[in-house]
Protein backbone atom coordinates (compact mmCIF):
# COMPACT_ATOMS: atom_id res chain seq x y z
CA UNK A 1 -4.46 18.97 12.84
CA UNK A 2 -6.44 16.09 11.31
CA UNK A 3 -8.45 15.61 14.48
CA UNK A 4 -9.33 19.32 14.56
CA UNK A 5 -10.42 19.21 10.92
CA UNK A 6 -12.52 16.10 11.59
CA UNK A 7 -14.24 17.71 14.57
CA UNK A 8 -15.09 20.91 12.66
CA UNK A 9 -16.39 19.20 9.52
CA UNK A 10 -19.95 19.79 8.43
CA UNK A 11 -21.71 16.62 7.33
CA UNK A 12 -20.59 13.03 6.86
CA UNK A 13 -18.12 13.60 4.02
CA UNK A 14 -14.36 13.59 4.33
CA UNK A 15 -13.92 15.73 1.24
CA UNK A 16 -16.62 18.35 1.59
CA UNK A 17 -17.38 22.02 1.48
CA UNK A 18 -20.20 23.44 3.61
CA UNK A 19 -21.51 19.94 4.30
CA UNK A 20 -21.77 18.98 0.63
CA UNK A 21 -19.54 16.41 -1.00
CA UNK A 22 -16.83 17.76 -3.27
CA UNK A 23 -17.23 16.50 -6.83
CA UNK A 24 -14.79 14.00 -8.27
CA UNK A 25 -13.48 16.58 -10.77
CA UNK A 26 -12.82 19.11 -8.04
CA UNK A 27 -11.08 16.48 -5.92
CA UNK A 28 -8.86 15.42 -8.83
CA UNK A 29 -7.99 19.04 -9.63
CA UNK A 30 -7.03 19.74 -6.02
CA UNK A 31 -5.10 16.46 -5.80
CA UNK A 32 -3.04 17.34 -8.88
CA UNK A 33 -2.29 20.81 -7.51
CA UNK A 34 -1.20 19.41 -4.15
CA UNK A 35 0.94 16.73 -5.81
CA UNK A 36 2.60 19.38 -7.99
CA UNK A 37 3.34 21.62 -4.98
CA UNK A 38 4.78 18.63 -3.14
CA UNK A 39 7.01 17.75 -6.09
CA UNK A 40 5.13 14.48 -6.69
CA UNK A 41 3.62 15.07 -10.12
CA UNK A 42 2.27 11.94 -11.72
CA UNK A 43 1.17 10.40 -8.42
CA UNK A 44 -2.39 9.18 -8.15
CA UNK A 45 -4.57 9.11 -5.05
CA UNK A 46 -4.41 5.31 -4.96
CA UNK A 47 -0.67 5.59 -4.30
CA UNK A 48 -1.65 6.67 -0.78
CA UNK A 49 -3.71 3.54 -0.31
CA UNK A 50 -0.89 1.33 -1.60
CA UNK A 51 1.53 3.04 0.75
CA UNK A 52 -0.83 2.60 3.70
CA UNK A 53 -1.33 -1.12 2.96
CA UNK A 54 2.41 -1.64 2.53
CA UNK A 55 3.34 0.16 5.75
CA UNK A 56 0.64 -1.56 7.82
CA UNK A 57 1.75 -4.94 6.45
CA UNK A 58 5.42 -4.24 7.10
CA UNK A 59 4.57 -3.34 10.70
CA UNK A 60 2.77 -6.63 11.28
CA UNK A 61 -0.86 -5.51 11.07
CA UNK A 62 -3.09 -8.40 10.00
CA UNK A 63 -4.99 -8.37 6.70
CA UNK A 64 -8.49 -8.03 8.19
CA UNK A 65 -7.46 -4.98 10.21
CA UNK A 66 -5.75 -3.38 7.20
CA UNK A 67 -8.86 -3.99 5.12
CA UNK A 68 -11.06 -2.35 7.77
CA UNK A 69 -8.73 0.64 8.15
CA UNK A 70 -8.47 1.19 4.40
CA UNK A 71 -12.15 0.59 3.61
CA UNK A 72 -11.61 -2.57 1.61
CA UNK A 73 -14.55 -4.93 1.35
CA UNK A 74 -12.95 -8.02 -0.24
CA UNK A 75 -9.60 -9.84 -0.11
CA UNK A 76 -9.22 -9.30 -3.86
CA UNK A 77 -9.15 -5.53 -3.30
CA UNK A 78 -6.52 -6.04 -0.59
CA UNK A 79 -4.46 -8.17 -3.01
CA UNK A 80 -4.66 -5.40 -5.61
CA UNK A 81 -3.08 -2.90 -3.23
CA UNK A 82 -0.69 -5.29 -1.46
CA UNK A 83 2.29 -4.80 -3.76
CA UNK A 84 5.24 -7.12 -3.07
CA UNK A 85 8.59 -6.09 -4.52
CA UNK A 86 12.14 -7.50 -4.49
CA UNK A 87 13.01 -5.69 -1.24
CA UNK A 88 10.06 -7.42 0.49
CA UNK A 89 11.23 -10.80 -0.78
CA UNK A 90 14.82 -10.13 0.32
CA UNK A 91 13.61 -9.07 3.76
CA UNK A 92 11.55 -12.25 4.10
CA UNK A 93 14.57 -14.39 3.20
CA UNK A 94 16.76 -12.48 5.63
CA UNK A 95 14.21 -12.95 8.43
CA UNK A 96 13.94 -16.67 7.65
CA UNK A 97 17.69 -17.11 8.04
CA UNK A 98 17.95 -14.74 11.02
CA UNK A 99 19.55 -12.04 8.93
CA UNK A 100 22.49 -14.23 7.96
CA UNK A 101 21.71 -14.25 4.25
CA UNK A 102 22.47 -11.15 2.24
CA UNK A 103 19.83 -11.09 -0.47
CA UNK A 104 21.09 -9.84 -3.80
CA UNK A 105 19.39 -9.62 -7.14
CA UNK A 106 21.42 -11.58 -9.70
CA UNK A 107 19.68 -11.90 -13.08
CA UNK A 108 21.97 -14.81 -14.07
CA UNK A 109 20.61 -17.01 -11.27
CA UNK A 110 17.33 -18.80 -11.89
CA UNK A 111 15.35 -20.93 -9.50
CA UNK A 112 13.13 -23.76 -10.64
CA UNK A 113 9.66 -23.66 -9.07
CA UNK A 114 9.59 -27.48 -9.02
CA UNK A 115 12.67 -28.14 -6.90
CA UNK A 116 10.77 -30.11 -4.25
CA UNK A 117 9.13 -32.41 -6.82
CA UNK A 118 12.44 -33.27 -8.55
CA UNK A 119 13.62 -35.44 -5.64
CA UNK A 120 13.99 -39.14 -6.47
CA UNK A 121 12.76 -41.91 -4.16
């Protein structure tokens, strides 16, 4: 469906009507309507970009390729959209220990960031 829409477009714009770019206000209005119909009120368009970056990263796509696919020009923009949450951290720990560590969030446990420098000679 997307390929057919791309082939039949008029002009260089993704969001266009009769070859002319759709205004920002029109785009936002249509976005809100679509989000409401999908039961996703309160979502912003940038949520799609965050989701894309997250999924590409989780599937092992390198940063430069993700940046090119998502139209990002600088690493700082990538960093802005590359959200890391507790599940990502738990998955990384599990991978490091070959899945033998069950990562759990325990607010009573704290880890000092200077553990390696506290060793005595």
